[in-house]
Amino acid sequence: DALIKPIKVEAEGFLREKTWTKYICTEDVKTGDDSLEQWE
């Protein structure tokens, strides 16, 4: 008998997340009241 079973290997350490959100209204971008934003 043979068996192949998967296991999920995770990275060591603790999970840390950074989240950025932006609400964009296309009408505000067209009129210049809002602009697109860049994140590095």
PDB file of all heavy atoms in Angstrom:
ATOM      1  N   ASP A   1       0.860  -1.181   0.000  1.00  0.00           N
ATOM      2  CA  ASP A   1       0.000   0.000   0.000  1.00  0.00           C
ATOM      3  C   ASP A   1       0.895   1.229   0.000  1.00  0.00           C
ATOM      4  O   ASP A   1       1.981   1.220   0.568  1.00  0.00           O
ATOM      5  CB  ASP A   1      -0.917   0.005   1.230  1.00  0.00           C
ATOM      6  CG  ASP A   1      -2.058   1.009   1.108  1.00  0.00           C
ATOM      7  OD1 ASP A   1      -2.308   1.513  -0.013  1.00  0.00           O
ATOM      8  OD2 ASP A   1      -2.700   1.308   2.131  1.00  0.00           O
ATOM      9  N   ALA A   2       0.445   2.267  -0.660  1.00  0.00           N
ATOM     10  CA  ALA A   2       1.173   3.531  -0.691  1.00  0.00           C
ATOM     11  C   ALA A   2       0.176   4.658  -0.494  1.00  0.00           C
ATOM     12  O   ALA A   2      -0.980   4.558  -0.917  1.00  0.00           O
ATOM     13  CB  ALA A   2       1.903   3.696  -2.014  1.00  0.00           C
ATOM     14  N   LEU A   3       0.629   5.703   0.144  1.00  0.00           N
ATOM     15  CA  LEU A   3      -0.244   6.833   0.454  1.00  0.00           C
ATOM     16  C   LEU A   3       0.537   8.122   0.253  1.00  0.00           C
ATOM     17  O   LEU A   3       1.675   8.246   0.716  1.00  0.00           O
ATOM     18  CB  LEU A   3      -0.732   6.723   1.899  1.00  0.00           C
ATOM     19  CG  LEU A   3      -1.938   7.508   2.337  1.00  0.00           C
ATOM     20  CD1 LEU A   3      -3.146   7.227   1.470  1.00  0.00           C
ATOM     21  CD2 LEU A   3      -2.273   7.180   3.780  1.00  0.00           C
ATOM     22  N   ILE A   4      -0.070   9.062  -0.449  1.00  0.00           N
ATOM     23  CA  ILE A   4       0.505  10.396  -0.622  1.00  0.00           C
ATOM     24  C   ILE A   4      -0.454  11.367   0.042  1.00  0.00           C
ATOM     25  O   ILE A   4      -1.615  11.467  -0.352  1.00  0.00           O
ATOM     26  CB  ILE A   4       0.684  10.760  -2.107  1.00  0.00           C
ATOM     27  CG1 ILE A   4       1.596   9.755  -2.790  1.00  0.00           C
ATOM     28  CG2 ILE A   4       1.230  12.182  -2.248  1.00  0.00           C
ATOM     29  CD1 ILE A   4       1.648   9.903  -4.298  1.00  0.00           C
ATOM     30  N   LYS A   5       0.025  12.062   1.072  1.00  0.00           N
ATOM     31  CA  LYS A   5      -0.831  12.964   1.831  1.00  0.00           C
ATOM     32  C   LYS A   5      -0.163  14.334   1.918  1.00  0.00           C
ATOM     33  O   LYS A   5       0.998  14.433   2.302  1.00  0.00           O
ATOM     34  CB  LYS A   5      -1.082  12.392   3.223  1.00  0.00           C
ATOM     35  CG  LYS A   5      -2.174  13.087   3.984  1.00  0.00           C
ATOM     36  CD  LYS A   5      -2.526  12.311   5.235  1.00  0.00           C
ATOM     37  CE  LYS A   5      -3.610  13.011   6.022  1.00  0.00           C
ATOM     38  NZ  LYS A   5      -3.951  12.294   7.245  1.00  0.00           N
ATOM     39  N   PRO A   6      -0.900  15.406   1.570  1.00  0.00           N
ATOM     40  CA  PRO A   6      -0.302  16.738   1.634  1.00  0.00           C
ATOM     41  C   PRO A   6      -0.404  17.349   3.031  1.00  0.00           C
ATOM     42  O   PRO A   6      -1.318  17.045   3.796  1.00  0.00           O
ATOM     43  CB  PRO A   6      -1.144  17.541   0.636  1.00  0.00           C
ATOM     44  CG  PRO A   6      -2.485  16.890   0.682  1.00  0.00           C
ATOM     45  CD  PRO A   6      -2.217  15.427   0.946  1.00  0.00           C
ATOM     46  N   ILE A   7       0.553  18.211   3.341  1.00  0.00           N
ATOM     47  CA  ILE A   7       0.519  18.999   4.560  1.00  0.00           C
ATOM     48  C   ILE A   7       0.913  20.420   4.180  1.00  0.00           C
ATOM     49  O   ILE A   7       1.789  20.630   3.333  1.00  0.00           O
ATOM     50  CB  ILE A   7       1.439  18.432   5.658  1.00  0.00           C
ATOM     51  CG1 ILE A   7       1.254  19.222   6.954  1.00  0.00           C
ATOM     52  CG2 ILE A   7       2.883  18.410   5.231  1.00  0.00           C
ATOM     53  CD1 ILE A   7       1.869  18.576   8.168  1.00  0.00           C
ATOM     54  N   LYS A   8       0.244  21.384   4.792  1.00  0.00           N
ATOM     55  CA  LYS A   8       0.538  22.790   4.518  1.00  0.00           C
ATOM     56  C   LYS A   8       1.671  23.239   5.437  1.00  0.00           C
ATOM     57  O   LYS A   8       1.555  23.158   6.650  1.00  0.00           O
ATOM     58  CB  LYS A   8      -0.705  23.648   4.749  1.00  0.00           C
ATOM     59  CG  LYS A   8      -0.499  25.103   4.414  1.00  0.00           C
ATOM     60  CD  LYS A   8      -1.762  25.902   4.632  1.00  0.00           C
ATOM     61  CE  LYS A   8      -1.518  27.361   4.345  1.00  0.00           C
ATOM     62  NZ  LYS A   8      -2.680  28.181   4.685  1.00  0.00           N
ATOM     63  N   VAL A   9       2.748  23.718   4.824  1.00  0.00           N
ATOM     64  CA  VAL A   9       3.898  24.211   5.579  1.00  0.00           C
ATOM     65  C   VAL A   9       3.866  25.736   5.538  1.00  0.00           C
ATOM     66  O   VAL A   9       3.873  26.336   4.462  1.00  0.00           O
ATOM     67  CB  VAL A   9       5.231  23.680   5.004  1.00  0.00           C
ATOM     68  CG1 VAL A   9       6.405  24.224   5.793  1.00  0.00           C
ATOM     69  CG2 VAL A   9       5.241  22.160   5.001  1.00  0.00           C
ATOM     70  N   GLU A  10       3.788  26.335   6.717  1.00  0.00           N
ATOM     71  CA  GLU A  10       3.718  27.785   6.826  1.00  0.00           C
ATOM     72  C   GLU A  10       5.081  28.344   7.222  1.00  0.00           C
ATOM     73  O   GLU A  10       5.927  27.631   7.756  1.00  0.00           O
ATOM     74  CB  GLU A  10       2.681  28.182   7.885  1.00  0.00           C
ATOM     75  CG  GLU A  10       1.283  27.720   7.538  1.00  0.00           C
ATOM     76  CD  GLU A  10       0.283  27.989   8.654  1.00  0.00           C
ATOM     77  OE1 GLU A  10       0.701  28.160   9.817  1.00  0.00           O
ATOM     78  OE2 GLU A  10      -0.919  28.026   8.352  1.00  0.00           O
ATOM     79  N   ALA A  11       5.260  29.636   6.991  1.00  0.00           N
ATOM     80  CA  ALA A  11       6.505  30.300   7.380  1.00  0.00           C
ATOM     81  C   ALA A  11       6.569  30.402   8.897  1.00  0.00           C
ATOM     82  O   ALA A  11       5.552  30.575   9.568  1.00  0.00           O
ATOM     83  CB  ALA A  11       6.571  31.686   6.758  1.00  0.00           C
ATOM     84  N   GLU A  12       7.772  30.313   9.408  1.00  0.00           N
ATOM     85  CA  GLU A  12       7.969  30.482  10.842  1.00  0.00           C
ATOM     86  C   GLU A  12       7.753  31.959  11.185  1.00  0.00           C
ATOM     87  O   GLU A  12       7.760  32.808  10.308  1.00  0.00           O
ATOM     88  CB  GLU A  12       9.367  30.016  11.253  1.00  0.00           C
ATOM     89  CG  GLU A  12      10.499  30.723  10.565  1.00  0.00           C
ATOM     90  CD  GLU A  12      10.874  30.161   9.204  1.00  0.00           C
ATOM     91  OE1 GLU A  12      10.076  29.505   8.529  1.00  0.00           O
ATOM     92  OE2 GLU A  12      12.005  30.433   8.785  1.00  0.00           O
ATOM     93  N   GLY A  13       7.545  32.241  12.436  1.00  0.00           N
ATOM     94  CA  GLY A  13       7.332  33.629  12.861  1.00  0.00           C
ATOM     95  C   GLY A  13       5.847  33.937  13.006  1.00  0.00           C
ATOM     96  O   GLY A  13       5.000  33.052  13.012  1.00  0.00           O
ATOM     97  N   PHE A  14       5.549  35.237  13.110  1.00  0.00           N
ATOM     98  CA  PHE A  14       4.176  35.686  13.320  1.00  0.00           C
ATOM     99  C   PHE A  14       3.717  36.513  12.125  1.00  0.00           C
ATOM    100  O   PHE A  14       4.467  37.342  11.604  1.00  0.00           O
ATOM    101  CB  PHE A  14       4.070  36.524  14.600  1.00  0.00           C
ATOM    102  CG  PHE A  14       4.425  35.746  15.828  1.00  0.00           C
ATOM    103  CD1 PHE A  14       5.683  35.854  16.394  1.00  0.00           C
ATOM    104  CD2 PHE A  14       3.511  34.888  16.410  1.00  0.00           C
ATOM    105  CE1 PHE A  14       6.024  35.133  17.519  1.00  0.00           C
ATOM    106  CE2 PHE A  14       3.840  34.155  17.529  1.00  0.00           C
ATOM    107  CZ  PHE A  14       5.090  34.282  18.085  1.00  0.00           C
ATOM    108  N   LEU A  15       2.478  36.331  11.727  1.00  0.00           N
ATOM    109  CA  LEU A  15       1.903  37.042  10.598  1.00  0.00           C
ATOM    110  C   LEU A  15       1.690  38.508  10.952  1.00  0.00           C
ATOM    111  O   LEU A  15       1.145  38.823  12.023  1.00  0.00           O
ATOM    112  CB  LEU A  15       0.568  36.398  10.205  1.00  0.00           C
ATOM    113  CG  LEU A  15      -0.190  37.046   9.059  1.00  0.00           C
ATOM    114  CD1 LEU A  15       0.608  36.910   7.760  1.00  0.00           C
ATOM    115  CD2 LEU A  15      -1.559  36.403   8.907  1.00  0.00           C
ATOM    116  N   ARG A  16       2.136  39.400  10.078  1.00  0.00           N
ATOM    117  CA  ARG A  16       1.890  40.834  10.228  1.00  0.00           C
ATOM    118  C   ARG A  16       1.384  41.354   8.900  1.00  0.00           C
ATOM    119  O   ARG A  16       1.949  41.036   7.857  1.00  0.00           O
ATOM    120  CB  ARG A  16       3.167  41.562  10.630  1.00  0.00           C
ATOM    121  CG  ARG A  16       3.577  41.190  12.050  1.00  0.00           C
ATOM    122  CD  ARG A  16       4.715  41.996  12.534  1.00  0.00           C
ATOM    123  NE  ARG A  16       4.430  43.427  12.393  1.00  0.00           N
ATOM    124  CZ  ARG A  16       5.270  44.367  12.737  1.00  0.00           C
ATOM    125  NH1 ARG A  16       6.423  44.045  13.251  1.00  0.00           N
ATOM    126  NH2 ARG A  16       4.973  45.633  12.572  1.00  0.00           N
ATOM    127  N   GLU A  17       0.343  42.172   8.946  1.00  0.00           N
ATOM    128  CA  GLU A  17      -0.236  42.721   7.728  1.00  0.00           C
ATOM    129  C   GLU A  17      -0.307  44.231   7.815  1.00  0.00           C
ATOM    130  O   GLU A  17      -0.483  44.793   8.892  1.00  0.00           O
ATOM    131  CB  GLU A  17      -1.664  42.198   7.526  1.00  0.00           C
ATOM    132  CG  GLU A  17      -1.758  40.756   7.141  1.00  0.00           C
ATOM    133  CD  GLU A  17      -3.193  40.334   6.816  1.00  0.00           C
ATOM    134  OE1 GLU A  17      -4.100  41.192   6.870  1.00  0.00           O
ATOM    135  OE2 GLU A  17      -3.386  39.169   6.513  1.00  0.00           O
ATOM    136  N   LYS A  18      -0.206  44.875   6.651  1.00  0.00           N
ATOM    137  CA  LYS A  18      -0.459  46.304   6.531  1.00  0.00           C
ATOM    138  C   LYS A  18      -1.521  46.455   5.453  1.00  0.00           C
ATOM    139  O   LYS A  18      -1.417  45.830   4.391  1.00  0.00           O
ATOM    140  CB  LYS A  18       0.796  47.068   6.143  1.00  0.00           C
ATOM    141  CG  LYS A  18       1.810  47.145   7.262  1.00  0.00           C
ATOM    142  CD  LYS A  18       2.929  48.081   6.897  1.00  0.00           C
ATOM    143  CE  LYS A  18       3.890  48.201   8.071  1.00  0.00           C
ATOM    144  NZ  LYS A  18       4.946  49.155   7.812  1.00  0.00           N
ATOM    145  N   THR A  19      -2.511  47.279   5.732  1.00  0.00           N
ATOM    146  CA  THR A  19      -3.620  47.455   4.803  1.00  0.00           C
ATOM    147  C   THR A  19      -3.819  48.937   4.510  1.00  0.00           C
ATOM    148  O   THR A  19      -3.802  49.761   5.425  1.00  0.00           O
ATOM    149  CB  THR A  19      -4.923  46.882   5.405  1.00  0.00           C
ATOM    150  OG1 THR A  19      -4.697  45.524   5.771  1.00  0.00           O
ATOM    151  CG2 THR A  19      -6.061  46.957   4.427  1.00  0.00           C
ATOM    152  N   TRP A  20      -3.973  49.258   3.244  1.00  0.00           N
ATOM    153  CA  TRP A  20      -4.307  50.614   2.834  1.00  0.00           C
ATOM    154  C   TRP A  20      -5.600  50.558   2.050  1.00  0.00           C
ATOM    155  O   TRP A  20      -5.821  49.648   1.247  1.00  0.00           O
ATOM    156  CB  TRP A  20      -3.223  51.199   1.922  1.00  0.00           C
ATOM    157  CG  TRP A  20      -1.916  51.406   2.588  1.00  0.00           C
ATOM    158  CD1 TRP A  20      -1.533  52.471   3.336  1.00  0.00           C
ATOM    159  CD2 TRP A  20      -0.801  50.529   2.565  1.00  0.00           C
ATOM    160  NE1 TRP A  20      -0.252  52.328   3.780  1.00  0.00           N
ATOM    161  CE2 TRP A  20       0.230  51.131   3.320  1.00  0.00           C
ATOM    162  CE3 TRP A  20      -0.553  49.283   1.990  1.00  0.00           C
ATOM    163  CZ2 TRP A  20       1.469  50.542   3.505  1.00  0.00           C
ATOM    164  CZ3 TRP A  20       0.684  48.711   2.177  1.00  0.00           C
ATOM    165  CH2 TRP A  20       1.675  49.330   2.919  1.00  0.00           C
ATOM    166  N   THR A  21      -6.483  51.512   2.277  1.00  0.00           N
ATOM    167  CA  THR A  21      -7.739  51.569   1.531  1.00  0.00           C
ATOM    168  C   THR A  21      -7.906  52.958   0.941  1.00  0.00           C
ATOM    169  O   THR A  21      -7.397  53.951   1.478  1.00  0.00           O
ATOM    170  CB  THR A  21      -8.955  51.256   2.429  1.00  0.00           C
ATOM    171  OG1 THR A  21      -9.000  52.207   3.487  1.00  0.00           O
ATOM    172  CG2 THR A  21      -8.891  49.852   2.972  1.00  0.00           C
ATOM    173  N   LYS A  22      -8.628  53.034  -0.133  1.00  0.00           N
ATOM    174  CA  LYS A  22      -8.886  54.309  -0.799  1.00  0.00           C
ATOM    175  C   LYS A  22     -10.223  54.192  -1.507  1.00  0.00           C
ATOM    176  O   LYS A  22     -10.445  53.287  -2.298  1.00  0.00           O
ATOM    177  CB  LYS A  22      -7.764  54.606  -1.793  1.00  0.00           C
ATOM    178  CG  LYS A  22      -7.980  55.765  -2.694  1.00  0.00           C
ATOM    179  CD  LYS A  22      -7.751  57.072  -1.978  1.00  0.00           C
ATOM    180  CE  LYS A  22      -7.853  58.212  -2.989  1.00  0.00           C
ATOM    181  NZ  LYS A  22      -7.874  59.495  -2.377  1.00  0.00           N
ATOM    182  N   TYR A  23     -11.112  55.118  -1.191  1.00  0.00           N
ATOM    183  CA  TYR A  23     -12.390  55.218  -1.900  1.00  0.00           C
ATOM    184  C   TYR A  23     -12.176  56.194  -3.048  1.00  0.00           C
ATOM    185  O   TYR A  23     -11.726  57.330  -2.840  1.00  0.00           O
ATOM    186  CB  TYR A  23     -13.494  55.710  -0.962  1.00  0.00           C
ATOM    187  CG  TYR A  23     -14.779  56.033  -1.686  1.00  0.00           C
ATOM    188  CD1 TYR A  23     -15.600  55.023  -2.156  1.00  0.00           C
ATOM    189  CD2 TYR A  23     -15.146  57.354  -1.925  1.00  0.00           C
ATOM    190  CE1 TYR A  23     -16.759  55.312  -2.827  1.00  0.00           C
ATOM    191  CE2 TYR A  23     -16.298  57.645  -2.598  1.00  0.00           C
ATOM    192  CZ  TYR A  23     -17.104  56.626  -3.047  1.00  0.00           C
ATOM    193  OH  TYR A  23     -18.256  56.913  -3.730  1.00  0.00           O
ATOM    194  N   ILE A  24     -12.460  55.746  -4.260  1.00  0.00           N
ATOM    195  CA  ILE A  24     -12.262  56.586  -5.440  1.00  0.00           C
ATOM    196  C   ILE A  24     -13.592  56.737  -6.155  1.00  0.00           C
ATOM    197  O   ILE A  24     -14.232  55.751  -6.516  1.00  0.00           O
ATOM    198  CB  ILE A  24     -11.227  55.962  -6.404  1.00  0.00           C
ATOM    199  CG1 ILE A  24      -9.890  55.790  -5.697  1.00  0.00           C
ATOM    200  CG2 ILE A  24     -11.080  56.801  -7.661  1.00  0.00           C
ATOM    201  CD1 ILE A  24      -8.863  55.031  -6.507  1.00  0.00           C
ATOM    202  N   CYS A  25     -13.986  57.985  -6.344  1.00  0.00           N
ATOM    203  CA  CYS A  25     -15.180  58.288  -7.142  1.00  0.00           C
ATOM    204  C   CYS A  25     -14.691  58.837  -8.472  1.00  0.00           C
ATOM    205  O   CYS A  25     -13.965  59.843  -8.514  1.00  0.00           O
ATOM    206  CB  CYS A  25     -16.059  59.302  -6.419  1.00  0.00           C
ATOM    207  SG  CYS A  25     -17.541  59.735  -7.349  1.00  0.00           S
ATOM    208  N   THR A  26     -15.059  58.192  -9.554  1.00  0.00           N
ATOM    209  CA  THR A  26     -14.563  58.610 -10.867  1.00  0.00           C
ATOM    210  C   THR A  26     -14.978  60.036 -11.201  1.00  0.00           C
ATOM    211  O   THR A  26     -14.230  60.762 -11.848  1.00  0.00           O
ATOM    212  CB  THR A  26     -15.055  57.651 -11.964  1.00  0.00           C
ATOM    213  OG1 THR A  26     -16.482  57.566 -11.918  1.00  0.00           O
ATOM    214  CG2 THR A  26     -14.451  56.281 -11.804  1.00  0.00           C
ATOM    215  N   GLU A  27     -16.130  60.452 -10.743  1.00  0.00           N
ATOM    216  CA  GLU A  27     -16.575  61.827 -11.003  1.00  0.00           C
ATOM    217  C   GLU A  27     -15.662  62.831 -10.308  1.00  0.00           C
ATOM    218  O   GLU A  27     -15.331  63.872 -10.887  1.00  0.00           O
ATOM    219  CB  GLU A  27     -18.026  62.014 -10.549  1.00  0.00           C
ATOM    220  CG  GLU A  27     -19.044  61.224 -11.360  1.00  0.00           C
ATOM    221  CD  GLU A  27     -19.048  61.606 -12.839  1.00  0.00           C
ATOM    222  OE1 GLU A  27     -18.937  62.800 -13.160  1.00  0.00           O
ATOM    223  OE2 GLU A  27     -19.139  60.681 -13.663  1.00  0.00           O
ATOM    224  N   ASP A  28     -15.252  62.528  -9.070  1.00  0.00           N
ATOM    225  CA  ASP A  28     -14.346  63.431  -8.343  1.00  0.00           C
ATOM    226  C   ASP A  28     -12.970  63.486  -8.990  1.00  0.00           C
ATOM    227  O   ASP A  28     -12.310  64.530  -8.971  1.00  0.00           O
ATOM    228  CB  ASP A  28     -14.214  62.993  -6.875  1.00  0.00           C
ATOM    229  CG  ASP A  28     -15.482  63.229  -6.073  1.00  0.00           C
ATOM    230  OD1 ASP A  28     -16.355  63.975  -6.561  1.00  0.00           O
ATOM    231  OD2 ASP A  28     -15.600  62.666  -4.955  1.00  0.00           O
ATOM    232  N   VAL A  29     -12.515  62.390  -9.571  1.00  0.00           N
ATOM    233  CA  VAL A  29     -11.228  62.377 -10.258  1.00  0.00           C
ATOM    234  C   VAL A  29     -11.306  63.225 -11.527  1.00  0.00           C
ATOM    235  O   VAL A  29     -10.403  63.992 -11.846  1.00  0.00           O
ATOM    236  CB  VAL A  29     -10.774  60.931 -10.573  1.00  0.00           C
ATOM    237  CG1 VAL A  29      -9.536  60.917 -11.452  1.00  0.00           C
ATOM    238  CG2 VAL A  29     -10.523  60.164  -9.279  1.00  0.00           C
ATOM    239  N   LYS A  30     -12.447  63.111 -12.251  1.00  0.00           N
ATOM    240  CA  LYS A  30     -12.637  63.885 -13.487  1.00  0.00           C
ATOM    241  C   LYS A  30     -12.657  65.383 -13.203  1.00  0.00           C
ATOM    242  O   LYS A  30     -12.082  66.178 -13.946  1.00  0.00           O
ATOM    243  CB  LYS A  30     -13.944  63.481 -14.171  1.00  0.00           C
ATOM    244  CG  LYS A  30     -13.885  62.171 -14.903  1.00  0.00           C
ATOM    245  CD  LYS A  30     -15.223  61.892 -15.559  1.00  0.00           C
ATOM    246  CE  LYS A  30     -15.283  60.514 -16.142  1.00  0.00           C
ATOM    247  NZ  LYS A  30     -16.611  60.215 -16.695  1.00  0.00           N
ATOM    248  N   THR A  31     -13.318  65.787 -12.122  1.00  0.00           N
ATOM    249  CA  THR A  31     -13.444  67.221 -11.803  1.00  0.00           C
ATOM    250  C   THR A  31     -12.215  67.770 -11.085  1.00  0.00           C
ATOM    251  O   THR A  31     -12.098  68.973 -10.912  1.00  0.00           O
ATOM    252  CB  THR A  31     -14.682  67.467 -10.927  1.00  0.00           C
ATOM    253  OG1 THR A  31     -14.549  66.755  -9.708  1.00  0.00           O
ATOM    254  CG2 THR A  31     -15.960  67.062 -11.650  1.00  0.00           C
ATOM    255  N   GLY A  32     -11.330  66.899 -10.623  1.00  0.00           N
ATOM    256  CA  GLY A  32     -10.136  67.357  -9.924  1.00  0.00           C
ATOM    257  C   GLY A  32     -10.310  67.466  -8.426  1.00  0.00           C
ATOM    258  O   GLY A  32      -9.392  67.889  -7.721  1.00  0.00           O
ATOM    259  N   ASP A  33     -11.487  67.114  -7.876  1.00  0.00           N
ATOM    260  CA  ASP A  33     -11.707  67.162  -6.440  1.00  0.00           C
ATOM    261  C   ASP A  33     -10.966  66.039  -5.708  1.00  0.00           C
ATOM    262  O   ASP A  33     -10.753  66.122  -4.500  1.00  0.00           O
ATOM    263  CB  ASP A  33     -13.209  67.056  -6.115  1.00  0.00           C
ATOM    264  CG  ASP A  33     -13.977  68.287  -6.580  1.00  0.00           C
ATOM    265  OD1 ASP A  33     -13.347  69.363  -6.693  1.00  0.00           O
ATOM    266  OD2 ASP A  33     -15.193  68.157  -6.832  1.00  0.00           O
ATOM    267  N   ASP A  34     -10.590  64.991  -6.431  1.00  0.00           N
ATOM    268  CA  ASP A  34      -9.854  63.860  -5.852  1.00  0.00           C
ATOM    269  C   ASP A  34      -8.814  63.421  -6.877  1.00  0.00           C
ATOM    270  O   ASP A  34      -8.925  63.727  -8.069  1.00  0.00           O
ATOM    271  CB  ASP A  34     -10.808  62.701  -5.532  1.00  0.00           C
ATOM    272  CG  ASP A  34     -10.185  61.669  -4.598  1.00  0.00           C
ATOM    273  OD1 ASP A  34      -9.024  61.847  -4.195  1.00  0.00           O
ATOM    274  OD2 ASP A  34     -10.862  60.676  -4.272  1.00  0.00           O
ATOM    275  N   SER A  35      -7.798  62.732  -6.432  1.00  0.00           N
ATOM    276  CA  SER A  35      -6.768  62.245  -7.346  1.00  0.00           C
ATOM    277  C   SER A  35      -6.429  60.800  -6.977  1.00  0.00           C
ATOM    278  O   SER A  35      -6.701  60.349  -5.869  1.00  0.00           O
ATOM    279  CB  SER A  35      -5.515  63.116  -7.270  1.00  0.00           C
ATOM    280  OG  SER A  35      -4.959  63.028  -5.980  1.00  0.00           O
ATOM    281  N   LEU A  36      -5.844  60.138  -7.939  1.00  0.00           N
ATOM    282  CA  LEU A  36      -5.402  58.769  -7.676  1.00  0.00           C
ATOM    283  C   LEU A  36      -4.200  58.822  -6.748  1.00  0.00           C
ATOM    284  O   LEU A  36      -3.451  59.795  -6.724  1.00  0.00           O
ATOM    285  CB  LEU A  36      -5.040  58.072  -8.986  1.00  0.00           C
ATOM    286  CG  LEU A  36      -6.200  57.912  -9.982  1.00  0.00           C
ATOM    287  CD1 LEU A  36      -5.705  57.229 -11.246  1.00  0.00           C
ATOM    288  CD2 LEU A  36      -7.335  57.121  -9.372  1.00  0.00           C
ATOM    289  N   GLU A  37      -4.000  57.769  -5.994  1.00  0.00           N
ATOM    290  CA  GLU A  37      -2.947  57.738  -4.991  1.00  0.00           C
ATOM    291  C   GLU A  37      -1.991  56.593  -5.293  1.00  0.00           C
ATOM    292  O   GLU A  37      -2.408  55.544  -5.775  1.00  0.00           O
ATOM    293  CB  GLU A  37      -3.588  57.540  -3.615  1.00  0.00           C
ATOM    294  CG  GLU A  37      -2.686  57.835  -2.475  1.00  0.00           C
ATOM    295  CD  GLU A  37      -3.447  57.862  -1.145  1.00  0.00           C
ATOM    296  OE1 GLU A  37      -4.586  58.334  -1.104  1.00  0.00           O
ATOM    297  OE2 GLU A  37      -2.874  57.373  -0.171  1.00  0.00           O
ATOM    298  N   GLN A  38      -0.725  56.781  -5.000  1.00  0.00           N
ATOM    299  CA  GLN A  38       0.267  55.726  -5.192  1.00  0.00           C
ATOM    300  C   GLN A  38       0.802  55.305  -3.834  1.00  0.00           C
ATOM    301  O   GLN A  38       1.040  56.143  -2.969  1.00  0.00           O
ATOM    302  CB  GLN A  38       1.424  56.238  -6.047  1.00  0.00           C
ATOM    303  CG  GLN A  38       1.045  56.488  -7.475  1.00  0.00           C
ATOM    304  CD  GLN A  38       2.267  56.901  -8.290  1.00  0.00           C
ATOM    305  OE1 GLN A  38       3.385  56.927  -7.806  1.00  0.00           O
ATOM    306  NE2 GLN A  38       2.035  57.214  -9.556  1.00  0.00           N
ATOM    307  N   TRP A  39       0.980  53.992  -3.687  1.00  0.00           N
ATOM    308  CA  TRP A  39       1.574  53.450  -2.470  1.00  0.00           C
ATOM    309  C   TRP A  39       2.821  52.690  -2.862  1.00  0.00           C
ATOM    310  O   TRP A  39       2.826  51.952  -3.837  1.00  0.00           O
ATOM    311  CB  TRP A  39       0.607  52.506  -1.750  1.00  0.00           C
ATOM    312  CG  TRP A  39      -0.583  53.168  -1.166  1.00  0.00           C
ATOM    313  CD1 TRP A  39      -0.593  54.190  -0.280  1.00  0.00           C
ATOM    314  CD2 TRP A  39      -1.954  52.857  -1.426  1.00  0.00           C
ATOM    315  NE1 TRP A  39      -1.884  54.542   0.034  1.00  0.00           N
ATOM    316  CE2 TRP A  39      -2.743  53.727  -0.652  1.00  0.00           C
ATOM    317  CE3 TRP A  39      -2.599  51.930  -2.229  1.00  0.00           C
ATOM    318  CZ2 TRP A  39      -4.126  53.705  -0.654  1.00  0.00           C
ATOM    319  CZ3 TRP A  39      -3.974  51.901  -2.232  1.00  0.00           C
ATOM    320  CH2 TRP A  39      -4.727  52.782  -1.453  1.00  0.00           C
ATOM    321  N   GLU A  40       3.855  52.849  -2.085  1.00  0.00           N
ATOM    322  CA  GLU A  40       5.082  52.102  -2.319  1.00  0.00           C
ATOM    323  C   GLU A  40       5.154  50.981  -1.299  1.00  0.00           C
ATOM    324  O   GLU A  40       5.097  51.224  -0.095  1.00  0.00           O
ATOM    325  CB  GLU A  40       6.295  53.017  -2.180  1.00  0.00           C
ATOM    326  CG  GLU A  40       7.576  52.333  -2.579  1.00  0.00           C
ATOM    327  CD  GLU A  40       8.753  53.283  -2.572  1.00  0.00           C
ATOM    328  OE1 GLU A  40       8.573  54.465  -2.878  1.00  0.00           O
ATOM    329  OE2 GLU A  40       9.848  52.819  -2.237  1.00  0.00           O
TER     330      GLU A  40
END
